[in-house]
Amino acid sequence: MSDMLARLMALAAMKSRGDYYTKAETDRHISDEVARIVSDAPEDFDTLRELSDWIATHEESAAAMNSAIQANTAGVAALYAPMTRLVDAGAKNLFQYSPVSVPEISYVINNDGSVTVTADNTTTVRILVLGFVTNLDDEKKYTLSGITGGSYSSSYGFAIATSNATGKVFLNDGHVDFVKTSELHQLELVVRAGQSWTKTFYPMLCTAEDYKTSPEFVPYAPSNRELYEEVETKTTLDDIYGIKTAIQNGTDLNDMTAPGVYACGGATVASTLINCPTTSEAFILCVDAVMSSTRIIQRLYAFHTNNGIPAIYMRSLYSGGWGAWYRFEGTAVT
C-alpha cells in the first residue's frame, strides 16, 4: 500500500513544468495502481477489508498456515546437517603439502592431515614453506584456518604469501578470509627468532562458502577438477595402467619416487642398479605415494631369488630419508 501511495503522490505533484493531469487521466492512473495490487486475486479477496474479515473468521486456518511455515523452517534447518556432512566428505581442504625445509625448523606430516612442527631455538625469523596454492581460482574468496594460540608479532603465524615473500596475508589465530590473486603463491609458517616449541597444526584452505557451511577440519583430497586434469594427461595404456618404460642401467632406486609400475628385464640391468636389494634377477617395482611426495612406499617383486623362491622387498621414504629394504618370502602351497 505504501508503494501505491507514493506513486499517487508522485502523480499529484506532476506540475513542476506546468503540466496537469486531467480528471480522466488521474482516474486512469489510480485504477492502474489499484489493479497492480489486486492483480489476479479472486473477487471475494480483492480488498483489504475482505482479507481482514476472512482472517478474523478463520483463525484456525490462519494458525494452520503459521504452523506450516514453522514446519518448513524446521525442515530447512534439518537439511543443514547433511549439507555439512556432504561438504566435509568432498574435496573441501584444497591445501596439499609440499614442504621446503629450513634450518632450525623440523616437521612431521601426520596421517590425519595435520603437521607437527618443532622450532629449535630459532636464531632469526624462519619461514617454513608448507606448500603451494597455485591450484586456486583467481578473484575467488577463500578461508585459511588451522592455527590457534599464535601471534606473528610475538611468536609465529600462518601466511599466504607471494613467491618472493613481499606480500603476505597473515593468520594469527582462528581463520582469515582472502581473495586469491595471481601473485599469491605459497602457504608459509613464519616463526620469529627465539622460539623453542613443538606444536601440531591443522592447516585447511577452502572456499569461504564451504568454511561457512562447516569449519570442521578435514585433510586434503583431490578435487574433481584435479582428477579430471590428471586423467586428461594420460594418453596411452601405459600411462593409464602405470606401466612405464624399462628401468635403465645405472638407475638409483632412491630417485624413483614417481608413482607407477616399473620393470627390470634381468640380471644384466639389475647388477648395475644403485640402492637395489637384488642384483641378479628380473623384477617389477611398484611405487606408491602415501600422502604426498614426502611419503613413498616401494614394493619390489623379484622373479626368483638364488634359491628359486620368489620374494617381495619393501621399504619407505619418510621425511627425506629412505628406510632399509625388508624381504618377505612365502610358503609353497601344495
C-alpha atoms as a PDB file:
ATOM      1  CA  MET A   1       0.000   0.000   0.000  1.00  0.00           C
ATOM      2  CA  SER A   2       2.808   2.453   0.847  1.00  0.00           C
ATOM      3  CA  ASP A   3       4.258   1.867  -2.620  1.00  0.00           C
ATOM      4  CA  MET A   4       0.907   2.720  -4.250  1.00  0.00           C
ATOM      5  CA  LEU A   5       0.507   5.889  -2.153  1.00  0.00           C
ATOM      6  CA  ALA A   6       3.964   7.013  -3.164  1.00  0.00           C
ATOM      7  CA  ARG A   7       3.044   6.613  -6.818  1.00  0.00           C
ATOM      8  CA  LEU A   8      -0.205   8.541  -6.357  1.00  0.00           C
ATOM      9  CA  MET A   9       1.609  11.376  -4.564  1.00  0.00           C
ATOM     10  CA  ALA A  10       4.104  11.499  -7.396  1.00  0.00           C
ATOM     11  CA  LEU A  11       1.271  11.774  -9.891  1.00  0.00           C
ATOM     12  CA  ALA A  12      -0.311  14.601  -7.907  1.00  0.00           C
ATOM     13  CA  ALA A  13       2.960  16.500  -7.901  1.00  0.00           C
ATOM     14  CA  MET A  14       3.316  16.455 -11.682  1.00  0.00           C
ATOM     15  CA  LYS A  15       3.054  20.175 -12.221  1.00  0.00           C
ATOM     16  CA  SER A  16       6.707  21.205 -11.999  1.00  0.00           C
ATOM     17  CA  ARG A  17       6.694  22.012 -15.717  1.00  0.00           C
ATOM     18  CA  GLY A  18       3.192  23.497 -15.681  1.00  0.00           C
ATOM     19  CA  ASP A  19       1.664  20.153 -16.699  1.00  0.00           C
ATOM     20  CA  TYR A  20      -1.556  18.842 -15.117  1.00  0.00           C
ATOM     21  CA  TYR A  21      -3.383  15.556 -15.451  1.00  0.00           C
ATOM     22  CA  THR A  22      -6.989  15.743 -16.469  1.00  0.00           C
ATOM     23  CA  LYS A  23      -9.565  14.075 -14.239  1.00  0.00           C
ATOM     24  CA  ALA A  24      -9.839  11.194 -16.701  1.00  0.00           C
ATOM     25  CA  GLU A  25      -6.072  10.716 -16.717  1.00  0.00           C
ATOM     26  CA  THR A  26      -5.937  10.837 -12.913  1.00  0.00           C
ATOM     27  CA  ASP A  27      -8.742   8.279 -12.619  1.00  0.00           C
ATOM     28  CA  ARG A  28      -6.967   6.007 -15.074  1.00  0.00           C
ATOM     29  CA  HIS A  29      -3.659   6.151 -13.156  1.00  0.00           C
ATOM     30  CA  ILE A  30      -5.434   5.424  -9.861  1.00  0.00           C
ATOM     31  CA  SER A  31      -7.236   2.464 -11.440  1.00  0.00           C
ATOM     32  CA  ASP A  32      -3.939   1.135 -12.832  1.00  0.00           C
ATOM     33  CA  GLU A  33      -2.226   1.305  -9.440  1.00  0.00           C
ATOM     34  CA  VAL A  34      -5.127  -0.419  -7.671  1.00  0.00           C
ATOM     35  CA  ALA A  35      -5.105  -3.115 -10.354  1.00  0.00           C
ATOM     36  CA  ARG A  36      -1.386  -3.704  -9.673  1.00  0.00           C
ATOM     37  CA  ILE A  37      -2.229  -4.590  -6.072  1.00  0.00           C
ATOM     38  CA  VAL A  38      -5.361  -6.641  -6.804  1.00  0.00           C
ATOM     39  CA  SER A  39      -3.729  -8.415  -9.743  1.00  0.00           C
ATOM     40  CA  ASP A  40      -5.459 -11.792 -10.246  1.00  0.00           C
ATOM     41  CA  ALA A  41      -6.951 -12.058  -6.739  1.00  0.00           C
ATOM     42  CA  PRO A  42     -10.411 -13.702  -6.577  1.00  0.00           C
ATOM     43  CA  GLU A  43     -13.329 -11.288  -6.403  1.00  0.00           C
ATOM     44  CA  ASP A  44     -14.027 -12.208  -2.774  1.00  0.00           C
ATOM     45  CA  PHE A  45     -10.476 -11.292  -1.726  1.00  0.00           C
ATOM     46  CA  ASP A  46      -9.558  -8.245  -3.791  1.00  0.00           C
ATOM     47  CA  THR A  47      -9.873  -5.679  -0.989  1.00  0.00           C
ATOM     48  CA  LEU A  48      -8.026  -5.317   2.310  1.00  0.00           C
ATOM     49  CA  ARG A  49     -11.349  -5.428   4.184  1.00  0.00           C
ATOM     50  CA  GLU A  50     -12.237  -8.793   2.648  1.00  0.00           C
ATOM     51  CA  LEU A  51      -8.820 -10.207   3.584  1.00  0.00           C
ATOM     52  CA  SER A  52      -9.135  -8.902   7.150  1.00  0.00           C
ATOM     53  CA  ASP A  53     -12.638 -10.349   7.563  1.00  0.00           C
ATOM     54  CA  TRP A  54     -11.502 -13.751   6.287  1.00  0.00           C
ATOM     55  CA  ILE A  55      -8.590 -13.934   8.729  1.00  0.00           C
ATOM     56  CA  ALA A  56     -10.849 -12.895  11.633  1.00  0.00           C
ATOM     57  CA  THR A  57     -13.359 -15.650  10.869  1.00  0.00           C
ATOM     58  CA  HIS A  58     -10.796 -18.345  10.032  1.00  0.00           C
ATOM     59  CA  GLU A  59      -8.393 -18.225  12.957  1.00  0.00           C
ATOM     60  CA  GLU A  60      -7.810 -21.986  12.826  1.00  0.00           C
ATOM     61  CA  SER A  61      -6.837 -21.840   9.152  1.00  0.00           C
ATOM     62  CA  ALA A  62      -4.524 -18.914   9.818  1.00  0.00           C
ATOM     63  CA  ALA A  63      -2.944 -20.854  12.694  1.00  0.00           C
ATOM     64  CA  ALA A  64      -2.530 -23.879  10.412  1.00  0.00           C
ATOM     65  CA  MET A  65      -0.749 -21.756   7.821  1.00  0.00           C
ATOM     66  CA  ASN A  66       1.563 -20.397  10.518  1.00  0.00           C
ATOM     67  CA  SER A  67       2.323 -23.945  11.706  1.00  0.00           C
ATOM     68  CA  ALA A  68       3.103 -24.979   8.142  1.00  0.00           C
ATOM     69  CA  ILE A  69       5.524 -22.082   7.794  1.00  0.00           C
ATOM     70  CA  GLN A  70       7.237 -23.047  11.073  1.00  0.00           C
ATOM     71  CA  ALA A  71       7.455 -26.678   9.931  1.00  0.00           C
ATOM     72  CA  ASN A  72       9.123 -25.615   6.699  1.00  0.00           C
ATOM     73  CA  THR A  73      11.597 -23.543   8.694  1.00  0.00           C
ATOM     74  CA  ALA A  74      12.470 -26.596  10.796  1.00  0.00           C
ATOM     75  CA  GLY A  75      12.787 -28.679   7.617  1.00  0.00           C
ATOM     76  CA  VAL A  76      15.249 -26.231   6.130  1.00  0.00           C
ATOM     77  CA  ALA A  77      17.262 -26.309   9.353  1.00  0.00           C
ATOM     78  CA  ALA A  78      17.252 -30.124   9.269  1.00  0.00           C
ATOM     79  CA  LEU A  79      18.836 -30.017   5.810  1.00  0.00           C
ATOM     80  CA  TYR A  80      21.858 -28.182   7.209  1.00  0.00           C
ATOM     81  CA  ALA A  81      23.362 -31.254   8.951  1.00  0.00           C
ATOM     82  CA  PRO A  82      23.502 -33.487   5.832  1.00  0.00           C
ATOM     83  CA  MET A  83      24.737 -30.489   3.830  1.00  0.00           C
ATOM     84  CA  THR A  84      27.592 -30.125   6.308  1.00  0.00           C
ATOM     85  CA  ARG A  85      28.430 -33.831   6.024  1.00  0.00           C
ATOM     86  CA  LEU A  86      28.363 -33.538   2.229  1.00  0.00           C
ATOM     87  CA  VAL A  87      30.825 -30.627   2.277  1.00  0.00           C
ATOM     88  CA  ASP A  88      33.129 -32.410   4.752  1.00  0.00           C
ATOM     89  CA  ALA A  89      33.101 -35.592   2.655  1.00  0.00           C
ATOM     90  CA  GLY A  90      34.143 -33.800  -0.531  1.00  0.00           C
ATOM     91  CA  ALA A  91      37.317 -32.068  -1.611  1.00  0.00           C
ATOM     92  CA  LYS A  92      36.919 -29.224   0.906  1.00  0.00           C
ATOM     93  CA  ASN A  93      40.525 -28.784   2.003  1.00  0.00           C
ATOM     94  CA  LEU A  94      42.380 -27.641  -1.123  1.00  0.00           C
ATOM     95  CA  PHE A  95      45.815 -27.481   0.509  1.00  0.00           C
ATOM     96  CA  GLN A  96      48.323 -30.223  -0.365  1.00  0.00           C
ATOM     97  CA  TYR A  97      51.636 -30.445   1.483  1.00  0.00           C
ATOM     98  CA  SER A  98      54.854 -29.877  -0.420  1.00  0.00           C
ATOM     99  CA  PRO A  99      57.238 -28.629   2.292  1.00  0.00           C
ATOM    100  CA  VAL A 100      60.536 -26.845   1.707  1.00  0.00           C
ATOM    101  CA  SER A 101      62.965 -27.491   4.576  1.00  0.00           C
ATOM    102  CA  VAL A 102      64.501 -24.625   6.534  1.00  0.00           C
ATOM    103  CA  PRO A 103      67.215 -24.585   9.280  1.00  0.00           C
ATOM    104  CA  GLU A 104      66.130 -24.799  12.933  1.00  0.00           C
ATOM    105  CA  ILE A 105      62.633 -25.970  11.948  1.00  0.00           C
ATOM    106  CA  SER A 106      61.627 -29.623  11.590  1.00  0.00           C
ATOM    107  CA  TYR A 107      58.258 -31.093  10.742  1.00  0.00           C
ATOM    108  CA  VAL A 108      56.315 -34.359  10.501  1.00  0.00           C
ATOM    109  CA  ILE A 109      53.193 -34.699   8.343  1.00  0.00           C
ATOM    110  CA  ASN A 110      50.756 -36.883  10.283  1.00  0.00           C
ATOM    111  CA  ASN A 111      48.315 -39.461   8.953  1.00  0.00           C
ATOM    112  CA  ASP A 112      45.293 -37.343   9.942  1.00  0.00           C
ATOM    113  CA  GLY A 113      46.428 -34.471   7.701  1.00  0.00           C
ATOM    114  CA  SER A 114      47.910 -32.351  10.475  1.00  0.00           C
ATOM    115  CA  VAL A 115      51.545 -31.278  10.670  1.00  0.00           C
ATOM    116  CA  THR A 116      53.712 -31.305  13.799  1.00  0.00           C
ATOM    117  CA  VAL A 117      56.357 -28.574  13.733  1.00  0.00           C
ATOM    118  CA  THR A 118      59.333 -28.162  16.065  1.00  0.00           C
ATOM    119  CA  ALA A 119      61.149 -24.850  16.435  1.00  0.00           C
ATOM    120  CA  ASP A 120      64.680 -25.421  17.792  1.00  0.00           C
ATOM    121  CA  ASN A 121      65.771 -22.131  19.409  1.00  0.00           C
ATOM    122  CA  THR A 122      65.462 -20.092  16.211  1.00  0.00           C
ATOM    123  CA  THR A 123      68.230 -17.522  15.845  1.00  0.00           C
ATOM    124  CA  THR A 124      66.349 -15.436  13.280  1.00  0.00           C
ATOM    125  CA  VAL A 125      62.987 -15.378  11.536  1.00  0.00           C
ATOM    126  CA  ARG A 126      62.457 -18.744   9.845  1.00  0.00           C
ATOM    127  CA  ILE A 127      59.926 -19.333   7.065  1.00  0.00           C
ATOM    128  CA  LEU A 128      58.757 -22.912   6.559  1.00  0.00           C
ATOM    129  CA  VAL A 129      57.012 -23.192   3.187  1.00  0.00           C
ATOM    130  CA  LEU A 130      54.386 -25.894   3.734  1.00  0.00           C
ATOM    131  CA  GLY A 131      53.072 -25.990   0.168  1.00  0.00           C
ATOM    132  CA  PHE A 132      51.740 -24.029  -2.754  1.00  0.00           C
ATOM    133  CA  VAL A 133      48.341 -22.532  -3.622  1.00  0.00           C
ATOM    134  CA  THR A 134      48.616 -22.301  -7.388  1.00  0.00           C
ATOM    135  CA  ASN A 135      45.545 -24.538  -7.834  1.00  0.00           C
ATOM    136  CA  LEU A 136      43.154 -21.841  -6.543  1.00  0.00           C
ATOM    137  CA  ASP A 137      40.962 -19.667  -8.776  1.00  0.00           C
ATOM    138  CA  ASP A 138      41.931 -16.011  -9.056  1.00  0.00           C
ATOM    139  CA  GLU A 139      39.464 -13.451  -7.678  1.00  0.00           C
ATOM    140  CA  LYS A 140      37.646 -16.118  -5.642  1.00  0.00           C
ATOM    141  CA  LYS A 141      37.200 -15.787  -1.886  1.00  0.00           C
ATOM    142  CA  TYR A 142      38.902 -18.423   0.300  1.00  0.00           C
ATOM    143  CA  THR A 143      39.332 -19.086   4.014  1.00  0.00           C
ATOM    144  CA  LEU A 144      42.571 -20.172   5.702  1.00  0.00           C
ATOM    145  CA  SER A 145      42.275 -21.828   9.116  1.00  0.00           C
ATOM    146  CA  GLY A 146      44.078 -24.274  11.380  1.00  0.00           C
ATOM    147  CA  ILE A 147      46.377 -22.360  13.726  1.00  0.00           C
ATOM    148  CA  THR A 148      45.495 -21.326  17.281  1.00  0.00           C
ATOM    149  CA  GLY A 149      47.272 -19.502  20.050  1.00  0.00           C
ATOM    150  CA  GLY A 150      49.883 -17.853  17.875  1.00  0.00           C
ATOM    151  CA  SER A 151      50.601 -14.243  17.047  1.00  0.00           C
ATOM    152  CA  TYR A 152      53.183 -13.315  14.419  1.00  0.00           C
ATOM    153  CA  SER A 153      54.041 -10.160  16.364  1.00  0.00           C
ATOM    154  CA  SER A 154      55.401 -12.327  19.203  1.00  0.00           C
ATOM    155  CA  SER A 155      55.909 -15.930  18.102  1.00  0.00           C
ATOM    156  CA  TYR A 156      54.546 -17.424  14.861  1.00  0.00           C
ATOM    157  CA  GLY A 157      51.777 -17.187  12.289  1.00  0.00           C
ATOM    158  CA  PHE A 158      50.479 -18.732   9.082  1.00  0.00           C
ATOM    159  CA  ALA A 159      50.688 -16.638   5.932  1.00  0.00           C
ATOM    160  CA  ILE A 160      49.571 -16.835   2.331  1.00  0.00           C
ATOM    161  CA  ALA A 161      52.473 -15.172   0.553  1.00  0.00           C
ATOM    162  CA  THR A 162      53.825 -14.238  -2.848  1.00  0.00           C
ATOM    163  CA  SER A 163      56.697 -16.285  -4.270  1.00  0.00           C
ATOM    164  CA  ASN A 164      59.212 -13.637  -3.231  1.00  0.00           C
ATOM    165  CA  ALA A 165      57.516 -13.209   0.183  1.00  0.00           C
ATOM    166  CA  THR A 166      56.997  -9.462  -0.300  1.00  0.00           C
ATOM    167  CA  GLY A 167      53.244  -9.651   0.249  1.00  0.00           C
ATOM    168  CA  LYS A 168      51.520 -11.735   2.922  1.00  0.00           C
ATOM    169  CA  VAL A 169      48.027 -12.369   4.256  1.00  0.00           C
ATOM    170  CA  PHE A 170      48.573 -13.353   7.898  1.00  0.00           C
ATOM    171  CA  LEU A 171      46.528 -15.674  10.086  1.00  0.00           C
ATOM    172  CA  ASN A 172      47.406 -15.313  13.754  1.00  0.00           C
ATOM    173  CA  ASP A 173      44.512 -17.151  15.374  1.00  0.00           C
ATOM    174  CA  GLY A 174      41.268 -18.747  14.193  1.00  0.00           C
ATOM    175  CA  HIS A 175      40.737 -18.108  10.488  1.00  0.00           C
ATOM    176  CA  VAL A 176      41.128 -15.394   7.856  1.00  0.00           C
ATOM    177  CA  ASP A 177      39.352 -14.720   4.564  1.00  0.00           C
ATOM    178  CA  PHE A 178      41.244 -13.579   1.489  1.00  0.00           C
ATOM    179  CA  VAL A 179      40.713 -13.173  -2.237  1.00  0.00           C
ATOM    180  CA  LYS A 180      43.137 -15.176  -4.371  1.00  0.00           C
ATOM    181  CA  THR A 181      45.250 -13.164  -6.782  1.00  0.00           C
ATOM    182  CA  SER A 182      47.786 -14.371  -9.312  1.00  0.00           C
ATOM    183  CA  GLU A 183      50.623 -13.106  -7.067  1.00  0.00           C
ATOM    184  CA  LEU A 184      49.725 -15.256  -4.041  1.00  0.00           C
ATOM    185  CA  HIS A 185      51.788 -18.403  -4.352  1.00  0.00           C
ATOM    186  CA  GLN A 186      52.519 -20.362  -1.160  1.00  0.00           C
ATOM    187  CA  LEU A 187      51.412 -21.211   2.385  1.00  0.00           C
ATOM    188  CA  GLU A 188      54.062 -20.390   4.990  1.00  0.00           C
ATOM    189  CA  LEU A 189      54.568 -20.878   8.695  1.00  0.00           C
ATOM    190  CA  VAL A 190      56.561 -17.827   9.772  1.00  0.00           C
ATOM    191  CA  VAL A 191      58.439 -18.340  13.066  1.00  0.00           C
ATOM    192  CA  ARG A 192      60.129 -15.444  14.820  1.00  0.00           C
ATOM    193  CA  ALA A 193      63.549 -15.592  16.480  1.00  0.00           C
ATOM    194  CA  GLY A 194      63.975 -17.094  19.953  1.00  0.00           C
ATOM    195  CA  GLN A 195      61.306 -19.811  19.545  1.00  0.00           C
ATOM    196  CA  SER A 196      61.613 -23.303  21.063  1.00  0.00           C
ATOM    197  CA  TRP A 197      58.463 -25.424  20.938  1.00  0.00           C
ATOM    198  CA  THR A 198      56.679 -28.349  19.310  1.00  0.00           C
ATOM    199  CA  LYS A 199      53.139 -27.755  18.075  1.00  0.00           C
ATOM    200  CA  THR A 200      50.627 -29.550  15.877  1.00  0.00           C
ATOM    201  CA  PHE A 201      48.660 -27.547  13.318  1.00  0.00           C
ATOM    202  CA  TYR A 202      45.696 -28.398  11.104  1.00  0.00           C
ATOM    203  CA  PRO A 203      46.055 -26.119   8.071  1.00  0.00           C
ATOM    204  CA  MET A 204      42.923 -26.007   5.947  1.00  0.00           C
ATOM    205  CA  LEU A 205      42.382 -23.911   2.850  1.00  0.00           C
ATOM    206  CA  CYS A 206      38.869 -23.958   1.422  1.00  0.00           C
ATOM    207  CA  THR A 207      36.339 -21.714  -0.258  1.00  0.00           C
ATOM    208  CA  ALA A 208      34.756 -19.180   2.072  1.00  0.00           C
ATOM    209  CA  GLU A 209      31.378 -20.717   1.241  1.00  0.00           C
ATOM    210  CA  ASP A 210      32.470 -24.217   2.329  1.00  0.00           C
ATOM    211  CA  TYR A 211      34.020 -22.864   5.542  1.00  0.00           C
ATOM    212  CA  LYS A 212      30.806 -21.042   6.375  1.00  0.00           C
ATOM    213  CA  THR A 213      28.876 -24.302   5.908  1.00  0.00           C
ATOM    214  CA  SER A 214      31.330 -26.283   8.060  1.00  0.00           C
ATOM    215  CA  PRO A 215      34.538 -25.027   9.714  1.00  0.00           C
ATOM    216  CA  GLU A 216      35.431 -28.613  10.721  1.00  0.00           C
ATOM    217  CA  PHE A 217      38.951 -29.632   9.638  1.00  0.00           C
ATOM    218  CA  VAL A 218      39.267 -32.350   7.001  1.00  0.00           C
ATOM    219  CA  PRO A 219      42.523 -33.462   5.320  1.00  0.00           C
ATOM    220  CA  TYR A 220      43.304 -32.743   1.686  1.00  0.00           C
ATOM    221  CA  ALA A 221      41.514 -34.728  -1.027  1.00  0.00           C
ATOM    222  CA  PRO A 222      41.857 -34.112  -4.772  1.00  0.00           C
ATOM    223  CA  SER A 223      39.021 -32.152  -6.338  1.00  0.00           C
ATOM    224  CA  ASN A 224      37.036 -33.351  -9.340  1.00  0.00           C
ATOM    225  CA  ARG A 225      38.910 -30.838 -11.462  1.00  0.00           C
ATOM    226  CA  GLU A 226      42.310 -32.172 -10.330  1.00  0.00           C
ATOM    227  CA  LEU A 227      41.233 -35.759 -11.017  1.00  0.00           C
ATOM    228  CA  TYR A 228      39.930 -34.761 -14.445  1.00  0.00           C
ATOM    229  CA  GLU A 229      43.150 -32.943 -15.326  1.00  0.00           C
ATOM    230  CA  GLU A 230      45.194 -35.959 -14.211  1.00  0.00           C
ATOM    231  CA  VAL A 231      43.122 -38.271 -16.418  1.00  0.00           C
ATOM    232  CA  GLU A 232      43.489 -35.848 -19.341  1.00  0.00           C
ATOM    233  CA  THR A 233      47.284 -36.151 -19.152  1.00  0.00           C
ATOM    234  CA  LYS A 234      47.143 -39.926 -19.601  1.00  0.00           C
ATOM    235  CA  THR A 235      47.033 -40.650 -23.327  1.00  0.00           C
ATOM    236  CA  THR A 236      48.305 -44.230 -23.594  1.00  0.00           C
ATOM    237  CA  LEU A 237      47.545 -47.564 -21.958  1.00  0.00           C
ATOM    238  CA  ASP A 238      50.955 -47.424 -20.302  1.00  0.00           C
ATOM    239  CA  ASP A 239      50.007 -44.069 -18.747  1.00  0.00           C
ATOM    240  CA  ILE A 240      46.588 -45.287 -17.641  1.00  0.00           C
ATOM    241  CA  TYR A 241      47.804 -48.506 -16.034  1.00  0.00           C
ATOM    242  CA  GLY A 242      51.055 -47.036 -14.717  1.00  0.00           C
ATOM    243  CA  ILE A 243      53.402 -49.301 -16.690  1.00  0.00           C
ATOM    244  CA  LYS A 244      56.462 -47.245 -17.506  1.00  0.00           C
ATOM    245  CA  THR A 245      59.472 -47.803 -19.711  1.00  0.00           C
ATOM    246  CA  ALA A 246      62.071 -50.300 -18.545  1.00  0.00           C
ATOM    247  CA  ILE A 247      64.410 -49.295 -15.728  1.00  0.00           C
ATOM    248  CA  GLN A 248      67.659 -48.165 -17.314  1.00  0.00           C
ATOM    249  CA  ASN A 249      71.217 -49.253 -16.488  1.00  0.00           C
ATOM    250  CA  GLY A 250      72.749 -47.434 -13.525  1.00  0.00           C
ATOM    251  CA  THR A 251      69.439 -46.096 -12.155  1.00  0.00           C
ATOM    252  CA  ASP A 252      69.396 -45.143  -8.464  1.00  0.00           C
ATOM    253  CA  LEU A 253      66.160 -46.521  -6.971  1.00  0.00           C
ATOM    254  CA  ASN A 254      66.278 -43.696  -4.404  1.00  0.00           C
ATOM    255  CA  ASP A 255      65.347 -41.347  -7.240  1.00  0.00           C
ATOM    256  CA  MET A 256      62.305 -43.375  -8.307  1.00  0.00           C
ATOM    257  CA  THR A 257      59.577 -41.561  -6.373  1.00  0.00           C
ATOM    258  CA  ALA A 258      57.021 -41.017  -9.160  1.00  0.00           C
ATOM    259  CA  PRO A 259      54.042 -43.346  -8.526  1.00  0.00           C
ATOM    260  CA  GLY A 260      53.790 -46.154 -11.065  1.00  0.00           C
ATOM    261  CA  VAL A 261      54.913 -49.645 -12.047  1.00  0.00           C
ATOM    262  CA  TYR A 262      58.424 -50.168 -13.432  1.00  0.00           C
ATOM    263  CA  ALA A 263      60.147 -53.221 -14.917  1.00  0.00           C
ATOM    264  CA  CYS A 264      63.702 -54.552 -14.781  1.00  0.00           C
ATOM    265  CA  GLY A 265      64.287 -57.141 -17.504  1.00  0.00           C
ATOM    266  CA  GLY A 266      67.008 -59.237 -15.835  1.00  0.00           C
ATOM    267  CA  ALA A 267      70.363 -59.525 -14.097  1.00  0.00           C
ATOM    268  CA  THR A 268      72.191 -57.554 -16.813  1.00  0.00           C
ATOM    269  CA  VAL A 269      70.340 -54.380 -15.748  1.00  0.00           C
ATOM    270  CA  ALA A 270      69.800 -55.307 -12.072  1.00  0.00           C
ATOM    271  CA  SER A 271      73.534 -55.670 -11.475  1.00  0.00           C
ATOM    272  CA  THR A 272      74.092 -52.004 -12.432  1.00  0.00           C
ATOM    273  CA  LEU A 273      71.347 -50.525 -10.240  1.00  0.00           C
ATOM    274  CA  ILE A 274      72.034 -48.451  -7.121  1.00  0.00           C
ATOM    275  CA  ASN A 275      70.192 -48.983  -3.812  1.00  0.00           C
ATOM    276  CA  CYS A 276      68.530 -52.095  -5.200  1.00  0.00           C
ATOM    277  CA  PRO A 277      68.008 -55.121  -2.893  1.00  0.00           C
ATOM    278  CA  THR A 278      68.624 -57.681  -5.642  1.00  0.00           C
ATOM    279  CA  THR A 279      71.245 -57.647  -8.390  1.00  0.00           C
ATOM    280  CA  SER A 280      70.748 -60.950 -10.163  1.00  0.00           C
ATOM    281  CA  GLU A 281      67.176 -61.206 -11.416  1.00  0.00           C
ATOM    282  CA  ALA A 282      64.249 -59.602 -13.184  1.00  0.00           C
ATOM    283  CA  PHE A 283      61.708 -57.743 -11.084  1.00  0.00           C
ATOM    284  CA  ILE A 284      58.721 -55.393 -11.041  1.00  0.00           C
ATOM    285  CA  LEU A 285      58.966 -52.218  -8.937  1.00  0.00           C
ATOM    286  CA  CYS A 286      55.755 -50.572  -7.663  1.00  0.00           C
ATOM    287  CA  VAL A 287      55.997 -47.022  -6.306  1.00  0.00           C
ATOM    288  CA  ASP A 288      53.110 -45.578  -4.265  1.00  0.00           C
ATOM    289  CA  ALA A 289      52.688 -42.118  -2.715  1.00  0.00           C
ATOM    290  CA  VAL A 290      51.044 -42.492   0.692  1.00  0.00           C
ATOM    291  CA  MET A 291      50.072 -38.821   1.167  1.00  0.00           C
ATOM    292  CA  SER A 292      52.455 -36.678  -0.827  1.00  0.00           C
ATOM    293  CA  SER A 293      55.894 -36.731  -2.451  1.00  0.00           C
ATOM    294  CA  THR A 294      57.448 -36.879   1.039  1.00  0.00           C
ATOM    295  CA  ARG A 295      55.972 -40.292   1.886  1.00  0.00           C
ATOM    296  CA  ILE A 296      56.705 -43.047  -0.604  1.00  0.00           C
ATOM    297  CA  ILE A 297      56.495 -46.849  -0.458  1.00  0.00           C
ATOM    298  CA  GLN A 298      58.473 -49.028  -2.872  1.00  0.00           C
ATOM    299  CA  ARG A 299      57.482 -52.685  -3.375  1.00  0.00           C
ATOM    300  CA  LEU A 300      59.820 -54.851  -5.439  1.00  0.00           C
ATOM    301  CA  TYR A 301      58.542 -58.207  -6.742  1.00  0.00           C
ATOM    302  CA  ALA A 302      61.544 -60.395  -7.595  1.00  0.00           C
ATOM    303  CA  PHE A 303      61.094 -63.070 -10.291  1.00  0.00           C
ATOM    304  CA  HIS A 304      63.109 -65.557  -8.205  1.00  0.00           C
ATOM    305  CA  THR A 305      65.953 -65.445  -5.729  1.00  0.00           C
ATOM    306  CA  ASN A 306      69.059 -67.613  -5.749  1.00  0.00           C
ATOM    307  CA  ASN A 307      67.123 -70.441  -4.132  1.00  0.00           C
ATOM    308  CA  GLY A 308      64.402 -70.238  -6.755  1.00  0.00           C
ATOM    309  CA  ILE A 309      61.717 -68.808  -4.424  1.00  0.00           C
ATOM    310  CA  PRO A 310      60.006 -65.560  -5.489  1.00  0.00           C
ATOM    311  CA  ALA A 311      60.330 -62.766  -2.939  1.00  0.00           C
ATOM    312  CA  ILE A 312      58.890 -59.346  -2.150  1.00  0.00           C
ATOM    313  CA  TYR A 313      61.021 -56.462  -0.923  1.00  0.00           C
ATOM    314  CA  MET A 314      59.603 -53.306   0.681  1.00  0.00           C
ATOM    315  CA  ARG A 315      60.918 -50.011   2.007  1.00  0.00           C
ATOM    316  CA  SER A 316      59.610 -46.475   2.612  1.00  0.00           C
ATOM    317  CA  LEU A 317      60.700 -42.859   2.184  1.00  0.00           C
ATOM    318  CA  TYR A 318      59.831 -40.718   5.202  1.00  0.00           C
ATOM    319  CA  SER A 319      60.710 -37.051   5.751  1.00  0.00           C
ATOM    320  CA  GLY A 320      63.515 -37.121   3.207  1.00  0.00           C
ATOM    321  CA  GLY A 321      65.184 -40.414   4.172  1.00  0.00           C
ATOM    322  CA  TRP A 322      64.826 -43.937   2.776  1.00  0.00           C
ATOM    323  CA  GLY A 323      64.464 -46.790   5.248  1.00  0.00           C
ATOM    324  CA  ALA A 324      66.063 -50.217   4.892  1.00  0.00           C
ATOM    325  CA  TRP A 325      64.756 -52.836   2.454  1.00  0.00           C
ATOM    326  CA  TYR A 326      62.760 -55.669   4.053  1.00  0.00           C
ATOM    327  CA  ARG A 327      62.448 -59.049   2.340  1.00  0.00           C
ATOM    328  CA  PHE A 328      59.374 -61.302   2.540  1.00  0.00           C
ATOM    329  CA  GLU A 329      59.184 -64.881   1.335  1.00  0.00           C
ATOM    330  CA  GLY A 330      56.119 -67.060   1.242  1.00  0.00           C
ATOM    331  CA  THR A 331      55.466 -70.729   1.904  1.00  0.00           C
ATOM    332  CA  ALA A 332      54.684 -73.010  -1.020  1.00  0.00           C
ATOM    333  CA  VAL A 333      51.043 -74.115  -1.236  1.00  0.00           C
ATOM    334  CA  THR A 334      50.553 -77.759  -2.190  1.00  0.00           C
END
